[in-house]
Amino acid sequence: MMARKPAHIELAGGKGPRQRVWEAIRGQQDDFCAHSVVRLADIDKSTVQTYLQALERGGIIEPLGERKAIGDRKHYRLVRNTGIEAPRLDRSGRPVTNSRGNENMWRTMRIMGEFCPRELALRASTPDVVVAEAAAKAYVKCLAQAGYLTVVDSGHPFIRGKGAKQARYRFCSPSSYTGPRPPMIQRKRSVYDPNLGRVVWQEEPDRDA
């Protein structure tokens, strides 16, 4: 299996392959096939076919008529237009929820104004997506390092008689909210902002290593 590319490569210009496929589908939603999507999205055929299969299994698209011969192209129509963002599905057509926690947190930060990780995790959780406090801590820490958030109150570790107090954060400025798509934490300790289409922060390499 081919290794997944880093987000800043995969999402060149802020749009990944699936997003470009989705936009091509929405542009011809009443009748399309893999060939027409490949042409419009400029994506390789195998990627398009894999995503079309996931969308069909997820009930987002459905076949349009029956193929009369083996060589005939399979045509589809869009039956559930879920909006401008490409549906995130696995190969079986089930929704992928691991990135929705970050989406919820990113949106909730803007609503709350000031927060600690525990409060953010509670407010960002829904019946479908539960945000763990540890996940909120990690995401908030990376966004602070990347310059999106500033520390309002540094908090303190456990003190006898007082307990521990989590640090509190807020956006550095209104412009720190760069758009609706949450910044992505990459494996190589960097932050990619799909709203800006670029890596906005990367951890300095350990020079002693």
C-alpha atoms as a PDB file:
ATOM      1  CA  MET A   1       0.000   0.000   0.000  1.00  0.00           C
ATOM      2  CA  MET A   2       1.328   3.448  -0.929  1.00  0.00           C
ATOM      3  CA  ALA A   3       2.191   5.635   2.082  1.00  0.00           C
ATOM      4  CA  ARG A   4      -0.094   8.590   2.646  1.00  0.00           C
ATOM      5  CA  LYS A   5       1.493  11.903   1.634  1.00  0.00           C
ATOM      6  CA  PRO A   6       1.897  14.742   4.144  1.00  0.00           C
ATOM      7  CA  ALA A   7      -1.077  17.075   4.149  1.00  0.00           C
ATOM      8  CA  HIS A   8       0.845  20.016   2.680  1.00  0.00           C
ATOM      9  CA  ILE A   9       1.642  17.876  -0.383  1.00  0.00           C
ATOM     10  CA  GLU A  10      -1.671  16.054  -0.604  1.00  0.00           C
ATOM     11  CA  LEU A  11      -3.666  19.248  -0.148  1.00  0.00           C
ATOM     12  CA  ALA A  12      -1.821  21.426  -2.641  1.00  0.00           C
ATOM     13  CA  GLY A  13      -3.736  24.675  -2.907  1.00  0.00           C
ATOM     14  CA  GLY A  14      -5.921  23.657   0.028  1.00  0.00           C
ATOM     15  CA  LYS A  15      -7.702  20.899  -1.916  1.00  0.00           C
ATOM     16  CA  GLY A  16      -6.937  17.214  -1.619  1.00  0.00           C
ATOM     17  CA  PRO A  17      -7.732  14.616  -4.304  1.00  0.00           C
ATOM     18  CA  ARG A  18     -11.089  13.692  -2.782  1.00  0.00           C
ATOM     19  CA  GLN A  19     -12.112  17.346  -2.542  1.00  0.00           C
ATOM     20  CA  ARG A  20     -11.330  17.844  -6.223  1.00  0.00           C
ATOM     21  CA  VAL A  21     -13.257  14.673  -7.122  1.00  0.00           C
ATOM     22  CA  TRP A  22     -16.203  15.851  -5.045  1.00  0.00           C
ATOM     23  CA  GLU A  23     -16.280  19.232  -6.748  1.00  0.00           C
ATOM     24  CA  ALA A  24     -16.216  17.514 -10.140  1.00  0.00           C
ATOM     25  CA  ILE A  25     -19.164  15.337  -9.075  1.00  0.00           C
ATOM     26  CA  ARG A  26     -21.181  18.318  -7.844  1.00  0.00           C
ATOM     27  CA  GLY A  27     -20.510  20.059 -11.147  1.00  0.00           C
ATOM     28  CA  GLN A  28     -22.194  17.264 -13.118  1.00  0.00           C
ATOM     29  CA  GLN A  29     -24.364  15.721 -10.433  1.00  0.00           C
ATOM     30  CA  ASP A  30     -27.165  14.407 -12.643  1.00  0.00           C
ATOM     31  CA  ASP A  31     -24.958  12.207 -14.835  1.00  0.00           C
ATOM     32  CA  PHE A  32     -21.249  11.424 -14.444  1.00  0.00           C
ATOM     33  CA  CYS A  33     -18.811   8.557 -14.731  1.00  0.00           C
ATOM     34  CA  ALA A  34     -15.244   7.879 -13.581  1.00  0.00           C
ATOM     35  CA  HIS A  35     -13.904   9.060 -16.935  1.00  0.00           C
ATOM     36  CA  SER A  36     -15.653  12.449 -16.764  1.00  0.00           C
ATOM     37  CA  VAL A  37     -14.540  12.952 -13.150  1.00  0.00           C
ATOM     38  CA  VAL A  38     -10.924  12.112 -14.033  1.00  0.00           C
ATOM     39  CA  ARG A  39     -11.031  14.679 -16.823  1.00  0.00           C
ATOM     40  CA  LEU A  40     -12.522  17.467 -14.667  1.00  0.00           C
ATOM     41  CA  ALA A  41     -10.608  16.806 -11.441  1.00  0.00           C
ATOM     42  CA  ASP A  42      -7.272  15.897 -13.075  1.00  0.00           C
ATOM     43  CA  ILE A  43      -6.886  12.954 -10.672  1.00  0.00           C
ATOM     44  CA  ASP A  44      -5.677   9.448 -11.512  1.00  0.00           C
ATOM     45  CA  LYS A  45      -8.398   6.936 -12.360  1.00  0.00           C
ATOM     46  CA  SER A  46      -7.705   4.518  -9.483  1.00  0.00           C
ATOM     47  CA  THR A  47      -8.160   7.283  -6.887  1.00  0.00           C
ATOM     48  CA  VAL A  48     -11.411   8.378  -8.525  1.00  0.00           C
ATOM     49  CA  GLN A  49     -12.785   4.835  -8.719  1.00  0.00           C
ATOM     50  CA  THR A  50     -11.922   4.095  -5.079  1.00  0.00           C
ATOM     51  CA  TYR A  51     -13.737   7.221  -3.908  1.00  0.00           C
ATOM     52  CA  LEU A  52     -16.742   6.571  -6.167  1.00  0.00           C
ATOM     53  CA  GLN A  53     -17.055   3.088  -4.653  1.00  0.00           C
ATOM     54  CA  ALA A  54     -16.999   4.567  -1.127  1.00  0.00           C
ATOM     55  CA  LEU A  55     -19.614   7.182  -2.088  1.00  0.00           C
ATOM     56  CA  GLU A  56     -21.855   4.516  -3.628  1.00  0.00           C
ATOM     57  CA  ARG A  57     -21.576   2.255  -0.579  1.00  0.00           C
ATOM     58  CA  GLY A  58     -22.313   5.256   1.642  1.00  0.00           C
ATOM     59  CA  GLY A  59     -25.481   6.123  -0.284  1.00  0.00           C
ATOM     60  CA  ILE A  60     -24.109   9.458  -1.514  1.00  0.00           C
ATOM     61  CA  ILE A  61     -24.288   8.495  -5.200  1.00  0.00           C
ATOM     62  CA  GLU A  62     -26.166   5.773  -7.052  1.00  0.00           C
ATOM     63  CA  PRO A  63     -25.797   4.038 -10.432  1.00  0.00           C
ATOM     64  CA  LEU A  64     -27.697   5.603 -13.301  1.00  0.00           C
ATOM     65  CA  GLY A  65     -29.281   2.786 -15.287  1.00  0.00           C
ATOM     66  CA  GLU A  66     -27.687  -0.551 -16.136  1.00  0.00           C
ATOM     67  CA  ARG A  67     -24.593  -1.145 -18.225  1.00  0.00           C
ATOM     68  CA  LYS A  68     -25.574  -3.110 -21.329  1.00  0.00           C
ATOM     69  CA  ALA A  69     -22.094  -4.359 -22.130  1.00  0.00           C
ATOM     70  CA  ILE A  70     -18.912  -5.039 -20.134  1.00  0.00           C
ATOM     71  CA  GLY A  71     -17.081  -2.198 -21.844  1.00  0.00           C
ATOM     72  CA  ASP A  72     -19.784   0.381 -21.110  1.00  0.00           C
ATOM     73  CA  ARG A  73     -18.896   3.074 -18.592  1.00  0.00           C
ATOM     74  CA  LYS A  74     -20.787   3.026 -15.308  1.00  0.00           C
ATOM     75  CA  HIS A  75     -22.721   6.255 -14.863  1.00  0.00           C
ATOM     76  CA  TYR A  76     -23.924   7.748 -11.580  1.00  0.00           C
ATOM     77  CA  ARG A  77     -26.006  10.546 -10.184  1.00  0.00           C
ATOM     78  CA  LEU A  78     -25.593  12.433  -6.916  1.00  0.00           C
ATOM     79  CA  VAL A  79     -28.452  11.640  -4.526  1.00  0.00           C
ATOM     80  CA  ARG A  80     -27.144  13.223  -1.291  1.00  0.00           C
ATOM     81  CA  ASN A  81     -25.418  16.544  -1.824  1.00  0.00           C
ATOM     82  CA  THR A  82     -23.857  17.043   1.620  1.00  0.00           C
ATOM     83  CA  GLY A  83     -22.311  20.455   0.900  1.00  0.00           C
ATOM     84  CA  ILE A  84     -19.040  21.887  -0.338  1.00  0.00           C
ATOM     85  CA  GLU A  85     -16.780  19.679   1.799  1.00  0.00           C
ATOM     86  CA  ALA A  86     -16.056  16.213   0.395  1.00  0.00           C
ATOM     87  CA  PRO A  87     -17.680  13.448   2.493  1.00  0.00           C
ATOM     88  CA  ARG A  88     -15.078  11.637   4.586  1.00  0.00           C
ATOM     89  CA  LEU A  89     -15.764   7.945   4.193  1.00  0.00           C
ATOM     90  CA  ASP A  90     -13.770   4.765   4.556  1.00  0.00           C
ATOM     91  CA  ARG A  91     -13.697   2.148   1.797  1.00  0.00           C
ATOM     92  CA  SER A  92     -16.917   0.616   3.152  1.00  0.00           C
ATOM     93  CA  GLY A  93     -18.763   3.926   2.894  1.00  0.00           C
ATOM     94  CA  ARG A  94     -18.827   4.565   6.650  1.00  0.00           C
ATOM     95  CA  PRO A  95     -18.157   8.109   7.897  1.00  0.00           C
ATOM     96  CA  VAL A  96     -14.629   8.715   9.178  1.00  0.00           C
ATOM     97  CA  THR A  97     -14.932  10.456  12.545  1.00  0.00           C
ATOM     98  CA  ASN A  98     -11.329  10.841  13.723  1.00  0.00           C
ATOM     99  CA  SER A  99     -10.950  14.279  12.100  1.00  0.00           C
ATOM    100  CA  ARG A 100     -14.359  15.540  13.183  1.00  0.00           C
ATOM    101  CA  GLY A 101     -13.120  16.116  16.718  1.00  0.00           C
ATOM    102  CA  ASN A 102     -10.655  18.714  15.443  1.00  0.00           C
ATOM    103  CA  GLU A 103     -13.411  20.306  13.361  1.00  0.00           C
ATOM    104  CA  ASN A 104     -15.611  20.557  16.435  1.00  0.00           C
ATOM    105  CA  MET A 105     -12.801  21.985  18.577  1.00  0.00           C
ATOM    106  CA  TRP A 106     -11.755  24.540  15.964  1.00  0.00           C
ATOM    107  CA  ARG A 107     -15.320  25.812  15.636  1.00  0.00           C
ATOM    108  CA  THR A 108     -15.945  25.720  19.397  1.00  0.00           C
ATOM    109  CA  MET A 109     -12.804  27.720  20.213  1.00  0.00           C
ATOM    110  CA  ARG A 110     -14.170  30.611  18.198  1.00  0.00           C
ATOM    111  CA  ILE A 111     -17.538  30.421  19.976  1.00  0.00           C
ATOM    112  CA  MET A 112     -16.121  30.139  23.501  1.00  0.00           C
ATOM    113  CA  GLY A 113     -13.541  32.893  23.211  1.00  0.00           C
ATOM    114  CA  GLU A 114     -11.557  31.741  26.253  1.00  0.00           C
ATOM    115  CA  PHE A 115     -11.204  28.147  27.415  1.00  0.00           C
ATOM    116  CA  CYS A 116      -9.107  25.450  29.011  1.00  0.00           C
ATOM    117  CA  PRO A 117      -8.665  22.020  27.362  1.00  0.00           C
ATOM    118  CA  ARG A 118     -11.172  20.353  29.694  1.00  0.00           C
ATOM    119  CA  GLU A 119     -13.884  22.904  28.896  1.00  0.00           C
ATOM    120  CA  LEU A 120     -13.112  22.687  25.193  1.00  0.00           C
ATOM    121  CA  ALA A 121     -13.358  18.880  25.162  1.00  0.00           C
ATOM    122  CA  LEU A 122     -16.741  18.995  26.899  1.00  0.00           C
ATOM    123  CA  ARG A 123     -18.196  21.702  24.643  1.00  0.00           C
ATOM    124  CA  ALA A 124     -16.804  20.199  21.425  1.00  0.00           C
ATOM    125  CA  SER A 125     -18.179  16.702  22.110  1.00  0.00           C
ATOM    126  CA  THR A 126     -21.432  15.604  20.501  1.00  0.00           C
ATOM    127  CA  PRO A 127     -23.455  12.373  20.669  1.00  0.00           C
ATOM    128  CA  ASP A 128     -21.602  11.222  17.531  1.00  0.00           C
ATOM    129  CA  VAL A 129     -18.100  12.535  18.292  1.00  0.00           C
ATOM    130  CA  VAL A 130     -16.550  12.446  21.772  1.00  0.00           C
ATOM    131  CA  VAL A 131     -13.471  14.651  22.186  1.00  0.00           C
ATOM    132  CA  ALA A 132     -11.081  13.312  24.830  1.00  0.00           C
ATOM    133  CA  GLU A 133      -9.482  15.793  27.207  1.00  0.00           C
ATOM    134  CA  ALA A 134      -6.031  14.500  26.224  1.00  0.00           C
ATOM    135  CA  ALA A 135      -6.820  15.158  22.549  1.00  0.00           C
ATOM    136  CA  ALA A 136      -7.933  18.694  23.386  1.00  0.00           C
ATOM    137  CA  LYS A 137      -4.716  19.313  25.345  1.00  0.00           C
ATOM    138  CA  ALA A 138      -2.552  18.111  22.453  1.00  0.00           C
ATOM    139  CA  TYR A 139      -4.455  20.095  19.814  1.00  0.00           C
ATOM    140  CA  VAL A 140      -4.485  23.300  21.850  1.00  0.00           C
ATOM    141  CA  LYS A 141      -0.757  22.990  22.595  1.00  0.00           C
ATOM    142  CA  CYS A 142       0.102  22.641  18.896  1.00  0.00           C
ATOM    143  CA  LEU A 143      -2.113  25.569  17.910  1.00  0.00           C
ATOM    144  CA  ALA A 144      -0.450  27.711  20.564  1.00  0.00           C
ATOM    145  CA  GLN A 145       3.002  26.746  19.252  1.00  0.00           C
ATOM    146  CA  ALA A 146       1.836  27.603  15.725  1.00  0.00           C
ATOM    147  CA  GLY A 147       0.716  31.077  16.809  1.00  0.00           C
ATOM    148  CA  TYR A 148      -3.061  30.673  16.629  1.00  0.00           C
ATOM    149  CA  LEU A 149      -3.653  30.739  20.388  1.00  0.00           C
ATOM    150  CA  THR A 150      -2.200  32.723  23.249  1.00  0.00           C
ATOM    151  CA  VAL A 151      -2.075  31.737  26.924  1.00  0.00           C
ATOM    152  CA  VAL A 152      -4.407  33.850  29.048  1.00  0.00           C
ATOM    153  CA  ASP A 153      -3.608  32.053  32.323  1.00  0.00           C
ATOM    154  CA  SER A 154      -0.710  29.596  32.557  1.00  0.00           C
ATOM    155  CA  GLY A 155      -2.417  27.602  35.330  1.00  0.00           C
ATOM    156  CA  HIS A 156      -0.394  25.455  37.732  1.00  0.00           C
ATOM    157  CA  PRO A 157       0.315  21.801  38.562  1.00  0.00           C
ATOM    158  CA  PHE A 158      -1.190  20.062  41.571  1.00  0.00           C
ATOM    159  CA  ILE A 159      -0.872  22.106  44.757  1.00  0.00           C
ATOM    160  CA  ARG A 160      -2.002  20.640  48.044  1.00  0.00           C
ATOM    161  CA  GLY A 161      -5.259  22.213  49.078  1.00  0.00           C
ATOM    162  CA  LYS A 162      -5.781  23.799  45.643  1.00  0.00           C
ATOM    163  CA  GLY A 163      -5.497  20.936  43.188  1.00  0.00           C
ATOM    164  CA  ALA A 164      -4.294  21.550  39.652  1.00  0.00           C
ATOM    165  CA  LYS A 165      -5.418  24.321  37.315  1.00  0.00           C
ATOM    166  CA  GLN A 166      -5.325  23.974  33.548  1.00  0.00           C
ATOM    167  CA  ALA A 167      -3.932  26.750  31.385  1.00  0.00           C
ATOM    168  CA  ARG A 168      -6.481  28.937  29.619  1.00  0.00           C
ATOM    169  CA  TYR A 169      -6.265  30.026  25.994  1.00  0.00           C
ATOM    170  CA  ARG A 170      -7.881  32.270  23.406  1.00  0.00           C
ATOM    171  CA  PHE A 171      -7.215  33.209  19.788  1.00  0.00           C
ATOM    172  CA  CYS A 172      -4.336  35.675  19.417  1.00  0.00           C
ATOM    173  CA  SER A 173      -6.547  37.911  17.257  1.00  0.00           C
ATOM    174  CA  PRO A 174      -9.748  37.652  15.172  1.00  0.00           C
ATOM    175  CA  SER A 175      -7.589  36.906  12.111  1.00  0.00           C
ATOM    176  CA  SER A 176      -6.171  33.828  13.853  1.00  0.00           C
ATOM    177  CA  TYR A 177      -9.373  32.062  12.837  1.00  0.00           C
ATOM    178  CA  THR A 178      -8.324  31.531   9.226  1.00  0.00           C
ATOM    179  CA  GLY A 179     -11.458  29.772   7.985  1.00  0.00           C
ATOM    180  CA  PRO A 180     -13.816  26.853   8.624  1.00  0.00           C
ATOM    181  CA  ARG A 181     -11.349  24.022   8.012  1.00  0.00           C
ATOM    182  CA  PRO A 182      -9.317  23.080  11.113  1.00  0.00           C
ATOM    183  CA  PRO A 183      -5.508  23.262  11.037  1.00  0.00           C
ATOM    184  CA  MET A 184      -4.053  19.772  10.709  1.00  0.00           C
ATOM    185  CA  ILE A 185      -1.355  18.346  12.978  1.00  0.00           C
ATOM    186  CA  GLN A 186       0.995  16.264  10.855  1.00  0.00           C
ATOM    187  CA  ARG A 187       3.146  13.326  11.831  1.00  0.00           C
ATOM    188  CA  LYS A 188       6.382  15.302  11.428  1.00  0.00           C
ATOM    189  CA  ARG A 189       5.383  17.794  14.115  1.00  0.00           C
ATOM    190  CA  SER A 190       4.115  20.504  11.847  1.00  0.00           C
ATOM    191  CA  VAL A 191       0.812  22.326  11.395  1.00  0.00           C
ATOM    192  CA  TYR A 192      -0.798  22.623   7.979  1.00  0.00           C
ATOM    193  CA  ASP A 193      -3.629  25.121   7.474  1.00  0.00           C
ATOM    194  CA  PRO A 194      -5.963  23.996   4.642  1.00  0.00           C
ATOM    195  CA  ASN A 195      -7.623  27.427   4.660  1.00  0.00           C
ATOM    196  CA  LEU A 196      -4.293  29.011   3.676  1.00  0.00           C
ATOM    197  CA  GLY A 197      -2.960  26.041   1.716  1.00  0.00           C
ATOM    198  CA  ARG A 198       0.415  25.974   3.478  1.00  0.00           C
ATOM    199  CA  VAL A 199       2.411  24.728   6.457  1.00  0.00           C
ATOM    200  CA  VAL A 200       2.295  27.481   9.087  1.00  0.00           C
ATOM    201  CA  TRP A 201       4.566  25.932  11.721  1.00  0.00           C
ATOM    202  CA  GLN A 202       7.156  23.173  11.961  1.00  0.00           C
ATOM    203  CA  GLU A 203       9.063  21.995  15.001  1.00  0.00           C
ATOM    204  CA  GLU A 204      12.759  22.769  14.898  1.00  0.00           C
ATOM    205  CA  PRO A 205      14.838  19.613  14.377  1.00  0.00           C
ATOM    206  CA  ASP A 206      16.877  18.337  17.319  1.00  0.00           C
ATOM    207  CA  ARG A 207      20.404  19.382  16.430  1.00  0.00           C
ATOM    208  CA  ASP A 208      21.920  17.102  19.050  1.00  0.00           C
ATOM    209  CA  ALA A 209      20.280  14.006  17.570  1.00  0.00           C
END
